[in-house]
C-alpha cells in the first residue's frame, strides 16, 4: 500500500466524519 494513498483515505474519512458531526440533530 502507498503511504500517500493511505493518508489521503484517512483524511477523506476524517472530512466525512466531520461533516456528519456538523449535521443538525446529530448530537
PDB file of N, CA and C in Angstrom:
ATOM      1  N   UNK A   1       0.846  -1.206   0.000  1.00  0.00           N
ATOM      2  CA  UNK A   1       0.000   0.000   0.000  1.00  0.00           C
ATOM      3  C   UNK A   1       0.882   1.257   0.000  1.00  0.00           C
ATOM      4  N   UNK A   2       0.405   2.264  -0.671  1.00  0.00           N
ATOM      5  CA  UNK A   2       1.163   3.510  -0.711  1.00  0.00           C
ATOM      6  C   UNK A   2       0.808   4.358   0.501  1.00  0.00           C
ATOM      7  N   UNK A   3       1.825   4.911   1.139  1.00  0.00           N
ATOM      8  CA  UNK A   3       1.590   5.713   2.336  1.00  0.00           C
ATOM      9  C   UNK A   3       0.749   6.942   1.989  1.00  0.00           C
ATOM     10  N   UNK A   4       1.038   7.546   0.838  1.00  0.00           N
ATOM     11  CA  UNK A   4       0.280   8.732   0.430  1.00  0.00           C
ATOM     12  C   UNK A   4      -1.181   8.367   0.210  1.00  0.00           C
ATOM     13  N   UNK A   5      -1.406   7.192  -0.388  1.00  0.00           N
ATOM     14  CA  UNK A   5      -2.782   6.754  -0.649  1.00  0.00           C
ATOM     15  C   UNK A   5      -3.520   6.562   0.672  1.00  0.00           C
ATOM     16  N   UNK A   6      -2.881   5.896   1.620  1.00  0.00           N
ATOM     17  CA  UNK A   6      -3.496   5.645   2.924  1.00  0.00           C
ATOM     18  C   UNK A   6      -3.796   6.960   3.631  1.00  0.00           C
ATOM     19  N   UNK A   7      -2.834   7.888   3.586  1.00  0.00           N
ATOM     20  CA  UNK A   7      -3.010   9.178   4.242  1.00  0.00           C
ATOM     21  C   UNK A   7      -4.172   9.937   3.611  1.00  0.00           C
ATOM     22  N   UNK A   8      -4.278   9.831   2.283  1.00  0.00           N
ATOM     23  CA  UNK A   8      -5.353  10.518   1.566  1.00  0.00           C
ATOM     24  C   UNK A   8      -6.702   9.957   1.992  1.00  0.00           C
ATOM     25  N   UNK A   9      -6.774   8.627   2.111  1.00  0.00           N
ATOM     26  CA  UNK A   9      -8.022   7.974   2.517  1.00  0.00           C
ATOM     27  C   UNK A   9      -8.397   8.390   3.933  1.00  0.00           C
ATOM     28  N   UNK A  10      -7.417   8.409   4.828  1.00  0.00           N
ATOM     29  CA  UNK A  10      -7.689   8.780   6.215  1.00  0.00           C
ATOM     30  C   UNK A  10      -8.203  10.209   6.297  1.00  0.00           C
ATOM     31  N   UNK A  11      -7.602  11.104   5.511  1.00  0.00           N
ATOM     32  CA  UNK A  11      -8.028  12.495   5.513  1.00  0.00           C
ATOM     33  C   UNK A  11      -9.443  12.609   4.961  1.00  0.00           C
ATOM     34  N   UNK A  12      -9.752  11.797   3.946  1.00  0.00           N
ATOM     35  CA  UNK A  12     -11.087  11.826   3.345  1.00  0.00           C
ATOM     36  C   UNK A  12     -12.123  11.343   4.353  1.00  0.00           C
ATOM     37  N   UNK A  13     -11.806  10.273   5.062  1.00  0.00           N
ATOM     38  CA  UNK A  13     -12.720   9.738   6.077  1.00  0.00           C
ATOM     39  C   UNK A  13     -12.913  10.765   7.187  1.00  0.00           C
ATOM     40  N   UNK A  14     -11.818  11.394   7.590  1.00  0.00           N
ATOM     41  CA  UNK A  14     -11.871  12.394   8.646  1.00  0.00           C
ATOM     42  C   UNK A  14     -12.804  13.537   8.248  1.00  0.00           C
ATOM     43  N   UNK A  15     -12.714  13.938   6.973  1.00  0.00           N
ATOM     44  CA  UNK A  15     -13.548  15.025   6.470  1.00  0.00           C
ATOM     45  C   UNK A  15     -15.018  14.614   6.467  1.00  0.00           C
ATOM     46  N   UNK A  16     -15.280  13.377   6.063  1.00  0.00           N
ATOM     47  CA  UNK A  16     -16.657  12.881   6.024  1.00  0.00           C
ATOM     48  C   UNK A  16     -17.240  12.816   7.432  1.00  0.00           C
ATOM     49  N   UNK A  17     -16.471  12.307   8.381  1.00  0.00           N
ATOM     50  CA  UNK A  17     -16.935  12.195   9.766  1.00  0.00           C
ATOM     51  C   UNK A  17     -17.208  13.579  10.332  1.00  0.00           C
ATOM     52  N   UNK A  18     -16.332  14.536  10.002  1.00  0.00           N
ATOM     53  CA  UNK A  18     -16.503  15.902  10.479  1.00  0.00           C
ATOM     54  C   UNK A  18     -17.796  16.489   9.937  1.00  0.00           C
ATOM     55  N   UNK A  19     -18.073  16.225   8.665  1.00  0.00           N
ATOM     56  CA  UNK A  19     -19.296  16.736   8.033  1.00  0.00           C
ATOM     57  C   UNK A  19     -20.522  16.121   8.696  1.00  0.00           C
ATOM     58  N   UNK A  20     -20.448  14.830   8.997  1.00  0.00           N
ATOM     59  CA  UNK A  20     -21.565  14.131   9.633  1.00  0.00           C
ATOM     60  C   UNK A  20     -21.828  14.718  11.021  1.00  0.00           C
ATOM     61  N   UNK A  21     -20.766  15.006  11.758  1.00  0.00           N
ATOM     62  CA  UNK A  21     -20.915  15.531  13.108  1.00  0.00           C
ATOM     63  C   UNK A  21     -21.524  16.929  13.090  1.00  0.00           C
ATOM     64  N   UNK A  22     -21.354  17.651  11.973  1.00  0.00           N
ATOM     65  CA  UNK A  22     -21.878  19.013  11.881  1.00  0.00           C
ATOM     66  C   UNK A  22     -23.339  19.032  11.436  1.00  0.00           C
ATOM     67  N   UNK A  23     -23.889  17.854  11.118  1.00  0.00           N
ATOM     68  CA  UNK A  23     -25.287  17.808  10.700  1.00  0.00           C
ATOM     69  C   UNK A  23     -26.193  18.109  11.892  1.00  0.00           C
ATOM     70  N   UNK A  24     -27.255  18.874  11.667  1.00  0.00           N
ATOM     71  CA  UNK A  24     -28.194  19.225  12.748  1.00  0.00           C
ATOM     72  C   UNK A  24     -28.957  17.997  13.240  1.00  0.00           C
ATOM     73  N   UNK A  25     -29.238  17.963  14.536  1.00  0.00           N
ATOM     74  CA  UNK A  25     -29.986  16.842  15.099  1.00  0.00           C
ATOM     75  C   UNK A  25     -29.081  15.671  15.413  1.00  0.00           C
ATOM     76  N   UNK A  26     -27.796  15.813  15.163  1.00  0.00           N
ATOM     77  CA  UNK A  26     -26.848  14.735  15.440  1.00  0.00           C
ATOM     78  C   UNK A  26     -25.981  15.158  16.613  1.00  0.00           C
ATOM     79  N   UNK A  27     -26.263  14.622  17.807  1.00  0.00           N
ATOM     80  CA  UNK A  27     -25.525  15.052  18.975  1.00  0.00           C
ATOM     81  C   UNK A  27     -24.771  13.912  19.622  1.00  0.00           C
TER      82      UNK A  27
END
